[in-house]
Amino acid sequence: MSLIYEYAERKEKKALKEFILSFLNSGTPLSEISQKTGKSIKELEEILDS
């Protein structure tokens, strides 16, 4: 089960990164994305850096 969990987690992070980037590309500030996703700005930055 561990490998399946790790795979799903990587896929989720990749999808979230694409989601965040699409907002940033449309001019949405990181603070607004944070409010919409419920993640802190630090968490969003970590996702973008991954």
PDB file of N, CA and C in Angstrom:
ATOM      1  N   MET A   1       0.815  -1.197   0.000  1.00  0.00           N
ATOM      2  CA  MET A   1       0.000   0.000   0.000  1.00  0.00           C
ATOM      3  C   MET A   1       0.862   1.265   0.000  1.00  0.00           C
ATOM      4  N   SER A   2       2.024   1.171   0.557  1.00  0.00           N
ATOM      5  CA  SER A   2       2.866   2.343   0.681  1.00  0.00           C
ATOM      6  C   SER A   2       3.220   2.947  -0.675  1.00  0.00           C
ATOM      7  N   LEU A   3       3.545   2.103  -1.644  1.00  0.00           N
ATOM      8  CA  LEU A   3       3.905   2.606  -2.968  1.00  0.00           C
ATOM      9  C   LEU A   3       2.724   3.289  -3.630  1.00  0.00           C
ATOM     10  N   ILE A   4       1.559   2.737  -3.465  1.00  0.00           N
ATOM     11  CA  ILE A   4       0.353   3.338  -4.044  1.00  0.00           C
ATOM     12  C   ILE A   4       0.090   4.692  -3.399  1.00  0.00           C
ATOM     13  N   TYR A   5       0.239   4.761  -2.089  1.00  0.00           N
ATOM     14  CA  TYR A   5       0.035   6.022  -1.373  1.00  0.00           C
ATOM     15  C   TYR A   5       1.024   7.085  -1.837  1.00  0.00           C
ATOM     16  N   GLU A   6       2.293   6.698  -1.962  1.00  0.00           N
ATOM     17  CA  GLU A   6       3.321   7.643  -2.405  1.00  0.00           C
ATOM     18  C   GLU A   6       3.037   8.137  -3.824  1.00  0.00           C
ATOM     19  N   TYR A   7       2.617   7.236  -4.698  1.00  0.00           N
ATOM     20  CA  TYR A   7       2.299   7.606  -6.074  1.00  0.00           C
ATOM     21  C   TYR A   7       1.141   8.605  -6.099  1.00  0.00           C
ATOM     22  N   ALA A   8       0.107   8.320  -5.340  1.00  0.00           N
ATOM     23  CA  ALA A   8      -1.063   9.205  -5.296  1.00  0.00           C
ATOM     24  C   ALA A   8      -0.692  10.565  -4.732  1.00  0.00           C
ATOM     25  N   GLU A   9       0.160  10.583  -3.736  1.00  0.00           N
ATOM     26  CA  GLU A   9       0.592  11.847  -3.134  1.00  0.00           C
ATOM     27  C   GLU A   9       1.382  12.688  -4.130  1.00  0.00           C
ATOM     28  N   ARG A  10       2.264  12.056  -4.901  1.00  0.00           N
ATOM     29  CA  ARG A  10       3.035  12.778  -5.922  1.00  0.00           C
ATOM     30  C   ARG A  10       2.108  13.337  -7.001  1.00  0.00           C
ATOM     31  N   LYS A  11       1.134  12.543  -7.418  1.00  0.00           N
ATOM     32  CA  LYS A  11       0.196  12.993  -8.448  1.00  0.00           C
ATOM     33  C   LYS A  11      -0.629  14.176  -7.935  1.00  0.00           C
ATOM     34  N   GLU A  12      -1.028  14.116  -6.672  1.00  0.00           N
ATOM     35  CA  GLU A  12      -1.813  15.197  -6.082  1.00  0.00           C
ATOM     36  C   GLU A  12      -0.989  16.483  -6.018  1.00  0.00           C
ATOM     37  N   LYS A  13       0.269  16.379  -5.608  1.00  0.00           N
ATOM     38  CA  LYS A  13       1.130  17.563  -5.525  1.00  0.00           C
ATOM     39  C   LYS A  13       1.372  18.160  -6.902  1.00  0.00           C
ATOM     40  N   LYS A  14       1.550  17.304  -7.901  1.00  0.00           N
ATOM     41  CA  LYS A  14       1.764  17.797  -9.263  1.00  0.00           C
ATOM     42  C   LYS A  14       0.525  18.537  -9.761  1.00  0.00           C
ATOM     43  N   ALA A  15      -0.639  17.981  -9.500  1.00  0.00           N
ATOM     44  CA  ALA A  15      -1.885  18.618  -9.923  1.00  0.00           C
ATOM     45  C   ALA A  15      -2.082  19.947  -9.195  1.00  0.00           C
ATOM     46  N   LEU A  16      -1.783  19.984  -7.914  1.00  0.00           N
ATOM     47  CA  LEU A  16      -1.917  21.216  -7.142  1.00  0.00           C
ATOM     48  C   LEU A  16      -0.937  22.275  -7.639  1.00  0.00           C
ATOM     49  N   LYS A  17       0.270  21.855  -7.989  1.00  0.00           N
ATOM     50  CA  LYS A  17       1.261  22.786  -8.509  1.00  0.00           C
ATOM     51  C   LYS A  17       0.763  23.402  -9.821  1.00  0.00           C
ATOM     52  N   GLU A  18       0.210  22.589 -10.698  1.00  0.00           N
ATOM     53  CA  GLU A  18      -0.339  23.089 -11.962  1.00  0.00           C
ATOM     54  C   GLU A  18      -1.496  24.051 -11.710  1.00  0.00           C
ATOM     55  N   PHE A  19      -2.333  23.734 -10.732  1.00  0.00           N
ATOM     56  CA  PHE A  19      -3.469  24.571 -10.353  1.00  0.00           C
ATOM     57  C   PHE A  19      -2.976  25.938  -9.864  1.00  0.00           C
ATOM     58  N   ILE A  20      -1.972  25.929  -8.990  1.00  0.00           N
ATOM     59  CA  ILE A  20      -1.414  27.169  -8.454  1.00  0.00           C
ATOM     60  C   ILE A  20      -0.792  28.000  -9.570  1.00  0.00           C
ATOM     61  N   LEU A  21      -0.023  27.333 -10.444  1.00  0.00           N
ATOM     62  CA  LEU A  21       0.622  28.047 -11.541  1.00  0.00           C
ATOM     63  C   LEU A  21      -0.397  28.681 -12.484  1.00  0.00           C
ATOM     64  N   SER A  22      -1.518  28.017 -12.718  1.00  0.00           N
ATOM     65  CA  SER A  22      -2.535  28.597 -13.595  1.00  0.00           C
ATOM     66  C   SER A  22      -3.117  29.871 -12.983  1.00  0.00           C
ATOM     67  N   PHE A  23      -3.312  29.873 -11.670  1.00  0.00           N
ATOM     68  CA  PHE A  23      -3.783  31.085 -10.995  1.00  0.00           C
ATOM     69  C   PHE A  23      -2.740  32.195 -11.075  1.00  0.00           C
ATOM     70  N   LEU A  24      -1.480  31.843 -10.813  1.00  0.00           N
ATOM     71  CA  LEU A  24      -0.413  32.844 -10.867  1.00  0.00           C
ATOM     72  C   LEU A  24      -0.282  33.426 -12.271  1.00  0.00           C
ATOM     73  N   ASN A  25      -0.397  32.589 -13.281  1.00  0.00           N
ATOM     74  CA  ASN A  25      -0.294  33.049 -14.663  1.00  0.00           C
ATOM     75  C   ASN A  25      -1.438  33.975 -15.058  1.00  0.00           C
ATOM     76  N   SER A  26      -2.568  33.839 -14.379  1.00  0.00           N
ATOM     77  CA  SER A  26      -3.705  34.714 -14.676  1.00  0.00           C
ATOM     78  C   SER A  26      -3.669  35.992 -13.838  1.00  0.00           C
ATOM     79  N   GLY A  27      -2.614  36.144 -13.017  1.00  0.00           N
ATOM     80  CA  GLY A  27      -2.441  37.370 -12.250  1.00  0.00           C
ATOM     81  C   GLY A  27      -2.993  37.341 -10.836  1.00  0.00           C
ATOM     82  N   THR A  28      -3.427  36.181 -10.377  1.00  0.00           N
ATOM     83  CA  THR A  28      -3.960  36.053  -9.024  1.00  0.00           C
ATOM     84  C   THR A  28      -2.806  36.045  -8.023  1.00  0.00           C
ATOM     85  N   PRO A  29      -2.858  36.900  -7.008  1.00  0.00           N
ATOM     86  CA  PRO A  29      -1.767  36.921  -6.017  1.00  0.00           C
ATOM     87  C   PRO A  29      -1.761  35.656  -5.151  1.00  0.00           C
ATOM     88  N   LEU A  30      -0.588  35.314  -4.675  1.00  0.00           N
ATOM     89  CA  LEU A  30      -0.416  34.119  -3.852  1.00  0.00           C
ATOM     90  C   LEU A  30      -1.301  34.160  -2.599  1.00  0.00           C
ATOM     91  N   SER A  31      -1.507  35.344  -2.044  1.00  0.00           N
ATOM     92  CA  SER A  31      -2.348  35.450  -0.844  1.00  0.00           C
ATOM     93  C   SER A  31      -3.789  35.041  -1.142  1.00  0.00           C
ATOM     94  N   GLU A  32      -4.281  35.382  -2.312  1.00  0.00           N
ATOM     95  CA  GLU A  32      -5.650  35.001  -2.691  1.00  0.00           C
ATOM     96  C   GLU A  32      -5.741  33.497  -2.966  1.00  0.00           C
ATOM     97  N   ILE A  33      -4.703  32.944  -3.576  1.00  0.00           N
ATOM     98  CA  ILE A  33      -4.666  31.500  -3.819  1.00  0.00           C
ATOM     99  C   ILE A  33      -4.660  30.768  -2.485  1.00  0.00           C
ATOM    100  N   SER A  34      -3.942  31.314  -1.525  1.00  0.00           N
ATOM    101  CA  SER A  34      -3.881  30.737  -0.189  1.00  0.00           C
ATOM    102  C   SER A  34      -5.272  30.666   0.430  1.00  0.00           C
ATOM    103  N   GLN A  35      -6.028  31.727   0.293  1.00  0.00           N
ATOM    104  CA  GLN A  35      -7.386  31.754   0.832  1.00  0.00           C
ATOM    105  C   GLN A  35      -8.276  30.729   0.128  1.00  0.00           C
ATOM    106  N   LYS A  36      -8.135  30.614  -1.181  1.00  0.00           N
ATOM    107  CA  LYS A  36      -8.982  29.706  -1.960  1.00  0.00           C
ATOM    108  C   LYS A  36      -8.665  28.241  -1.686  1.00  0.00           C
ATOM    109  N   THR A  37      -7.399  27.937  -1.441  1.00  0.00           N
ATOM    110  CA  THR A  37      -6.994  26.545  -1.251  1.00  0.00           C
ATOM    111  C   THR A  37      -6.974  26.122   0.213  1.00  0.00           C
ATOM    112  N   GLY A  38      -6.921  27.088   1.112  1.00  0.00           N
ATOM    113  CA  GLY A  38      -6.821  26.753   2.526  1.00  0.00           C
ATOM    114  C   GLY A  38      -5.411  26.386   2.949  1.00  0.00           C
ATOM    115  N   LYS A  39      -4.450  26.618   2.077  1.00  0.00           N
ATOM    116  CA  LYS A  39      -3.051  26.339   2.394  1.00  0.00           C
ATOM    117  C   LYS A  39      -2.339  27.652   2.688  1.00  0.00           C
ATOM    118  N   SER A  40      -1.343  27.581   3.561  1.00  0.00           N
ATOM    119  CA  SER A  40      -0.594  28.787   3.883  1.00  0.00           C
ATOM    120  C   SER A  40       0.286  29.168   2.693  1.00  0.00           C
ATOM    121  N   ILE A  41       0.717  30.409   2.687  1.00  0.00           N
ATOM    122  CA  ILE A  41       1.605  30.873   1.617  1.00  0.00           C
ATOM    123  C   ILE A  41       2.893  30.053   1.627  1.00  0.00           C
ATOM    124  N   LYS A  42       3.396  29.732   2.813  1.00  0.00           N
ATOM    125  CA  LYS A  42       4.610  28.917   2.918  1.00  0.00           C
ATOM    126  C   LYS A  42       4.390  27.548   2.276  1.00  0.00           C
ATOM    127  N   GLU A  43       3.226  26.925   2.539  1.00  0.00           N
ATOM    128  CA  GLU A  43       2.926  25.623   1.933  1.00  0.00           C
ATOM    129  C   GLU A  43       2.866  25.732   0.412  1.00  0.00           C
ATOM    130  N   LEU A  44       2.248  26.795  -0.080  1.00  0.00           N
ATOM    131  CA  LEU A  44       2.150  26.995  -1.522  1.00  0.00           C
ATOM    132  C   LEU A  44       3.523  27.176  -2.141  1.00  0.00           C
ATOM    133  N   GLU A  45       4.383  27.941  -1.475  1.00  0.00           N
ATOM    134  CA  GLU A  45       5.745  28.144  -1.976  1.00  0.00           C
ATOM    135  C   GLU A  45       6.521  26.838  -2.009  1.00  0.00           C
ATOM    136  N   GLU A  46       6.321  25.997  -0.992  1.00  0.00           N
ATOM    137  CA  GLU A  46       7.002  24.698  -0.958  1.00  0.00           C
ATOM    138  C   GLU A  46       6.530  23.812  -2.110  1.00  0.00           C
ATOM    139  N   ILE A  47       5.244  23.853  -2.406  1.00  0.00           N
ATOM    140  CA  ILE A  47       4.703  23.074  -3.520  1.00  0.00           C
ATOM    141  C   ILE A  47       5.287  23.566  -4.834  1.00  0.00           C
ATOM    142  N   LEU A  48       5.380  24.872  -4.985  1.00  0.00           N
ATOM    143  CA  LEU A  48       5.932  25.434  -6.219  1.00  0.00           C
ATOM    144  C   LEU A  48       7.409  25.123  -6.379  1.00  0.00           C
ATOM    145  N   ASP A  49       8.135  25.013  -5.270  1.00  0.00           N
ATOM    146  CA  ASP A  49       9.565  24.721  -5.315  1.00  0.00           C
ATOM    147  C   ASP A  49       9.856  23.244  -5.562  1.00  0.00           C
ATOM    148  N   SER A  50       8.851  22.415  -5.389  1.00  0.00           N
ATOM    149  CA  SER A  50       9.082  20.967  -5.558  1.00  0.00           C
ATOM    150  C   SER A  50       9.114  20.546  -7.005  1.00  0.00           C
TER     151      SER A  50
END
